[in-house]
Amino acid sequence: MMTLTTAQYTVGTAAIQIVPPDDMPQRVTIHNNESAQQVFLGNASVGTATGVHLDGKEERQITLNPGESLFAVSGGSYSISVMIQTQ
């Protein structure tokens, strides 16, 4: 059975965990709700200089292996939406 969850987060200048680890693989869709602001994705130490950027209104899909988590950070206070599908 697959589980689907959704959430919205306000991402600021300190990295926050947007997808906690699970013991199963996770398919994650992240949507940057802002028009012109970037959000950066990565591990717990992600920063605006080290993360993978997600431009305004852009969407990205990522598959996380068991035990992996995902963090986000930005240069301001911006909104993102996250959908997680766990097998």
C-alpha atoms as a PDB file:
ATOM      1  CA  MET A   1       0.000   0.000   0.000  1.00  0.00           C
ATOM      2  CA  MET A   2       1.257   3.479  -0.871  1.00  0.00           C
ATOM      3  CA  THR A   3       0.809   6.462   1.408  1.00  0.00           C
ATOM      4  CA  LEU A   4       0.467   9.999   0.058  1.00  0.00           C
ATOM      5  CA  THR A   5       0.981  13.053   2.260  1.00  0.00           C
ATOM      6  CA  THR A   6       1.103  16.766   1.491  1.00  0.00           C
ATOM      7  CA  ALA A   7       2.325  19.783   3.427  1.00  0.00           C
ATOM      8  CA  GLN A   8       3.236  23.433   3.018  1.00  0.00           C
ATOM      9  CA  TYR A   9       6.259  25.020   4.647  1.00  0.00           C
ATOM     10  CA  THR A  10       7.600  28.507   5.089  1.00  0.00           C
ATOM     11  CA  VAL A  11      11.300  28.284   4.281  1.00  0.00           C
ATOM     12  CA  GLY A  12      13.627  30.886   5.737  1.00  0.00           C
ATOM     13  CA  THR A  13      17.330  31.536   6.173  1.00  0.00           C
ATOM     14  CA  ALA A  14      17.817  28.547   8.508  1.00  0.00           C
ATOM     15  CA  ALA A  15      17.566  25.085   6.965  1.00  0.00           C
ATOM     16  CA  ILE A  16      14.404  23.158   7.872  1.00  0.00           C
ATOM     17  CA  GLN A  17      13.598  19.514   7.352  1.00  0.00           C
ATOM     18  CA  ILE A  18      10.810  19.195   4.782  1.00  0.00           C
ATOM     19  CA  VAL A  19      10.908  15.395   4.374  1.00  0.00           C
ATOM     20  CA  PRO A  20      11.771  13.196   7.354  1.00  0.00           C
ATOM     21  CA  PRO A  21      13.550   9.871   6.832  1.00  0.00           C
ATOM     22  CA  ASP A  22      11.487   6.745   6.334  1.00  0.00           C
ATOM     23  CA  ASP A  23      12.357   3.059   6.231  1.00  0.00           C
ATOM     24  CA  MET A  24      10.941   2.876   2.675  1.00  0.00           C
ATOM     25  CA  PRO A  25      11.857   4.797  -0.505  1.00  0.00           C
ATOM     26  CA  GLN A  26      10.013   8.101  -0.915  1.00  0.00           C
ATOM     27  CA  ARG A  27       9.052   9.908  -4.100  1.00  0.00           C
ATOM     28  CA  VAL A  28       8.958  13.626  -3.300  1.00  0.00           C
ATOM     29  CA  THR A  29       7.502  16.485  -5.354  1.00  0.00           C
ATOM     30  CA  ILE A  30       8.487  20.001  -4.258  1.00  0.00           C
ATOM     31  CA  HIS A  31       6.821  23.113  -5.689  1.00  0.00           C
ATOM     32  CA  ASN A  32       8.167  26.616  -5.073  1.00  0.00           C
ATOM     33  CA  ASN A  33       5.011  28.701  -4.551  1.00  0.00           C
ATOM     34  CA  GLU A  34       6.816  32.026  -4.997  1.00  0.00           C
ATOM     35  CA  SER A  35       7.044  33.871  -8.309  1.00  0.00           C
ATOM     36  CA  ALA A  36      10.622  35.094  -8.360  1.00  0.00           C
ATOM     37  CA  GLN A  37      12.384  33.693  -5.300  1.00  0.00           C
ATOM     38  CA  GLN A  38      14.709  30.708  -5.119  1.00  0.00           C
ATOM     39  CA  VAL A  39      14.595  27.907  -2.571  1.00  0.00           C
ATOM     40  CA  PHE A  40      17.572  25.566  -2.099  1.00  0.00           C
ATOM     41  CA  LEU A  41      17.349  21.829  -1.399  1.00  0.00           C
ATOM     42  CA  GLY A  42      19.853  19.447   0.166  1.00  0.00           C
ATOM     43  CA  ASN A  43      20.955  17.723   3.364  1.00  0.00           C
ATOM     44  CA  ALA A  44      20.903  19.136   6.911  1.00  0.00           C
ATOM     45  CA  SER A  45      23.781  21.521   6.163  1.00  0.00           C
ATOM     46  CA  VAL A  46      22.220  22.958   2.977  1.00  0.00           C
ATOM     47  CA  GLY A  47      22.871  26.630   2.298  1.00  0.00           C
ATOM     48  CA  THR A  48      22.073  29.098  -0.460  1.00  0.00           C
ATOM     49  CA  ALA A  49      25.569  28.543  -1.867  1.00  0.00           C
ATOM     50  CA  THR A  50      25.492  24.731  -1.675  1.00  0.00           C
ATOM     51  CA  GLY A  51      21.919  23.593  -2.317  1.00  0.00           C
ATOM     52  CA  VAL A  52      20.180  22.647  -5.536  1.00  0.00           C
ATOM     53  CA  HIS A  53      18.059  25.666  -6.423  1.00  0.00           C
ATOM     54  CA  LEU A  54      14.376  25.616  -7.186  1.00  0.00           C
ATOM     55  CA  ASP A  55      13.361  28.740  -9.087  1.00  0.00           C
ATOM     56  CA  GLY A  56      10.057  30.541  -8.588  1.00  0.00           C
ATOM     57  CA  LYS A  57       6.999  28.482  -9.593  1.00  0.00           C
ATOM     58  CA  GLU A  58       9.298  25.562 -10.451  1.00  0.00           C
ATOM     59  CA  GLU A  59       8.573  21.969  -9.444  1.00  0.00           C
ATOM     60  CA  ARG A  60      11.030  19.129  -8.912  1.00  0.00           C
ATOM     61  CA  GLN A  61      10.688  15.421  -8.193  1.00  0.00           C
ATOM     62  CA  ILE A  62      13.258  13.591  -6.085  1.00  0.00           C
ATOM     63  CA  THR A  63      13.437   9.971  -4.964  1.00  0.00           C
ATOM     64  CA  LEU A  64      14.843   9.490  -1.473  1.00  0.00           C
ATOM     65  CA  ASN A  65      16.359   6.183  -0.448  1.00  0.00           C
ATOM     66  CA  PRO A  66      15.419   4.603   2.896  1.00  0.00           C
ATOM     67  CA  GLY A  67      16.846   6.657   5.757  1.00  0.00           C
ATOM     68  CA  GLU A  68      17.381   9.831   3.687  1.00  0.00           C
ATOM     69  CA  SER A  69      15.767  13.163   4.543  1.00  0.00           C
ATOM     70  CA  LEU A  70      15.454  16.464   2.661  1.00  0.00           C
ATOM     71  CA  PHE A  71      16.028  20.012   3.892  1.00  0.00           C
ATOM     72  CA  ALA A  72      15.306  23.428   2.395  1.00  0.00           C
ATOM     73  CA  VAL A  73      16.625  26.961   2.932  1.00  0.00           C
ATOM     74  CA  SER A  74      16.155  30.330   1.211  1.00  0.00           C
ATOM     75  CA  GLY A  75      17.337  33.903   1.317  1.00  0.00           C
ATOM     76  CA  GLY A  76      14.065  35.126   2.838  1.00  0.00           C
ATOM     77  CA  SER A  77      10.739  33.761   4.037  1.00  0.00           C
ATOM     78  CA  TYR A  78       9.088  31.844   1.183  1.00  0.00           C
ATOM     79  CA  SER A  79       6.385  29.215   0.762  1.00  0.00           C
ATOM     80  CA  ILE A  80       6.800  25.741  -0.749  1.00  0.00           C
ATOM     81  CA  SER A  81       4.449  22.785  -1.141  1.00  0.00           C
ATOM     82  CA  VAL A  82       5.619  19.192  -0.669  1.00  0.00           C
ATOM     83  CA  MET A  83       3.965  15.916  -1.681  1.00  0.00           C
ATOM     84  CA  ILE A  84       5.454  12.638  -0.450  1.00  0.00           C
ATOM     85  CA  GLN A  85       4.568   9.220  -1.807  1.00  0.00           C
ATOM     86  CA  THR A  86       5.876   6.338   0.314  1.00  0.00           C
ATOM     87  CA  GLN A  87       5.770   2.757  -0.944  1.00  0.00           C
END
